[in-house]
Each structure stands twice: as C-alpha cells, then as structure tokens.
Amino acid sequence: MSNSISRRTFAEQLALAAAAPFVALELSPGRGPHLSPPQGAQDTEPSPLAKTLAEAVRLRYGDRLSDDDLKAITQAIHSRLQNVDQLYKVALTNADEPAFVFAAYRGAER
C-alpha cells in the first residue's frame, strides 16, 4: 500500500497549514462554527491572498460551511493579514528590550 499523496492534495494541505493561524473559529455547543467578522474589516475588499487562503478553507471544509461563514472567514483572514503588515512596519533594533523581563522566583530574600 502506498502512502504517497498527490501534488494537489499536498498543495491544499500546505495552504490550509498556512491559513490555520489566521482562522479562529468559535465553536458554540450544538451549533456549527460561528464567526463574527472583525470590526473595521467589513469596509475593505479582502486582499487576493486572503481570498486564496479562504478558497483553500472552502476546498477543505466547504461542505460544512455556508456562504456567510466563508465571507466571515475571508474577512477574518484579511484582518489578520493587515495586522501582520502593521507588525512588520514596526522597526526594531537589536538594542530594543522586551516589555517585561523574566526573573525566576528563588524564595524569600536572605
């Protein structure tokens, strides 16, 4: 028995793995996935990358998702991609320190 997968299956799985961090599903008991579109993301048209990643989600889970779910997923992906772009715009130098410094608790001072 062969464990090989087709190129198409591999590409779909790769796209899903890339999209996984951007898609956060709220699972309500007794209901399917419910997504609330992020605020401010409804105004803009999703980027081509967001549409492509949402298409990968549709290919994988399309039989379980409605059109509204797919729109919400596309908007969520688009919003997260915009957040990533904003993070990349922040210039950090090697001298920048973190917001906190970890120090292990070693008991009461002697």
Protein backbone atom coordinates (compact mmCIF):
# COMPACT_ATOMS: atom_id res chain seq x y z
CA MET A 1 0.00 0.00 0.00
CA SER A 2 1.42 3.38 -0.99
CA ASN A 3 1.45 6.33 1.43
CA SER A 4 2.14 8.91 -1.28
CA ILE A 5 -0.21 11.84 -1.81
CA SER A 6 -0.91 13.76 -4.95
CA ARG A 7 0.56 17.18 -5.65
CA ARG A 8 -2.91 18.71 -5.47
CA THR A 9 -3.59 17.21 -2.05
CA PHE A 10 -0.19 18.37 -0.83
CA ALA A 11 -0.83 21.92 -2.11
CA GLU A 12 -4.24 22.01 -0.41
CA GLN A 13 -2.79 20.81 2.89
CA LEU A 14 0.05 23.33 2.63
CA ALA A 15 -2.42 26.18 2.03
CA LEU A 16 -4.51 25.04 5.00
CA ALA A 17 -1.46 24.89 7.23
CA ALA A 18 -0.56 28.43 6.18
CA ALA A 19 -4.10 29.67 6.84
CA ALA A 20 -4.59 27.88 10.15
CA PRO A 21 -3.14 30.62 12.39
CA PHE A 22 -5.34 33.23 10.75
CA VAL A 23 -8.62 31.43 11.19
CA ALA A 24 -10.05 31.39 14.69
CA LEU A 25 -13.32 29.53 14.99
CA GLU A 26 -15.64 29.97 17.92
CA LEU A 27 -17.36 26.65 18.40
CA SER A 28 -20.69 27.05 20.09
CA PRO A 29 -22.23 23.94 21.67
CA GLY A 30 -24.85 22.42 19.42
CA ARG A 31 -24.05 24.72 16.54
CA GLY A 32 -21.57 24.79 13.73
CA PRO A 33 -18.70 27.24 13.53
CA HIS A 34 -19.76 30.79 14.21
CA LEU A 35 -17.51 33.66 13.22
CA SER A 36 -18.09 37.29 13.95
CA PRO A 37 -16.34 39.45 11.38
CA PRO A 38 -13.67 41.68 12.92
CA GLN A 39 -14.57 45.33 13.35
CA GLY A 40 -13.33 47.58 10.56
CA ALA A 41 -12.61 44.63 8.27
CA GLN A 42 -16.06 44.74 6.67
CA ASP A 43 -15.34 48.07 4.98
CA THR A 44 -12.48 46.95 2.77
CA GLU A 45 -12.28 44.43 -0.02
CA PRO A 46 -10.26 41.33 1.02
CA SER A 47 -6.80 41.04 -0.49
CA PRO A 48 -6.06 38.41 -3.15
CA LEU A 49 -4.02 36.45 -0.58
CA ALA A 50 -6.95 36.43 1.85
CA LYS A 51 -9.25 35.22 -0.93
CA THR A 52 -6.81 32.47 -1.88
CA LEU A 53 -6.45 31.26 1.71
CA ALA A 54 -10.23 31.35 2.14
CA GLU A 55 -10.55 29.32 -1.05
CA ALA A 56 -8.27 26.68 0.49
CA VAL A 57 -10.57 26.59 3.52
CA ARG A 58 -13.57 26.25 1.20
CA LEU A 59 -11.94 23.35 -0.65
CA ARG A 60 -11.27 21.54 2.59
CA TYR A 61 -14.41 22.36 4.61
CA GLY A 62 -16.86 23.70 2.01
CA ASP A 63 -19.45 21.02 2.69
CA ARG A 64 -19.72 22.21 6.32
CA LEU A 65 -19.68 25.97 5.75
CA SER A 66 -22.36 28.32 4.50
CA ASP A 67 -21.73 31.33 2.28
CA ASP A 68 -21.92 33.63 5.31
CA ASP A 69 -19.32 31.50 7.12
CA LEU A 70 -16.98 31.74 4.14
CA LYS A 71 -17.42 35.53 3.98
CA ALA A 72 -16.65 35.79 7.69
CA ILE A 73 -13.59 33.56 7.31
CA THR A 74 -12.35 35.64 4.38
CA GLN A 75 -12.79 38.85 6.38
CA ALA A 76 -11.04 37.32 9.41
CA ILE A 77 -8.09 36.23 7.30
CA HIS A 78 -7.93 39.67 5.67
CA SER A 79 -7.99 41.39 9.06
CA ARG A 80 -5.18 39.20 10.40
CA LEU A 81 -3.07 39.80 7.29
CA GLN A 82 -3.50 43.55 7.82
CA ASN A 83 -2.37 43.13 11.44
CA VAL A 84 0.70 41.23 10.27
CA ASP A 85 1.53 44.04 7.83
CA GLN A 86 1.28 46.56 10.66
CA LEU A 87 3.61 44.47 12.81
CA TYR A 88 6.18 44.35 10.02
CA LYS A 89 6.12 48.16 9.81
CA VAL A 90 7.46 48.49 13.36
CA ALA A 91 11.22 48.83 13.15
CA LEU A 92 13.10 47.13 15.98
CA THR A 93 16.79 47.34 16.63
CA ASN A 94 18.97 44.86 18.42
CA ALA A 95 19.02 47.18 21.46
CA ASP A 96 15.24 47.11 21.93
CA GLU A 97 14.28 45.24 25.08
CA PRO A 98 11.09 43.28 25.69
CA ALA A 99 8.21 44.85 27.59
CA PHE A 100 8.99 42.62 30.59
CA VAL A 101 11.95 40.77 31.99
CA PHE A 102 11.51 37.28 33.41
CA ALA A 103 13.13 36.57 36.74
CA ALA A 104 12.70 33.19 38.42
CA TYR A 105 11.42 33.30 42.00
CA ARG A 106 14.07 31.85 44.27
CA GLY A 107 12.27 32.20 47.57
CA ALA A 108 12.42 34.93 50.17
CA GLU A 109 15.50 37.12 50.11
CA ARG A 110 18.02 36.19 52.76
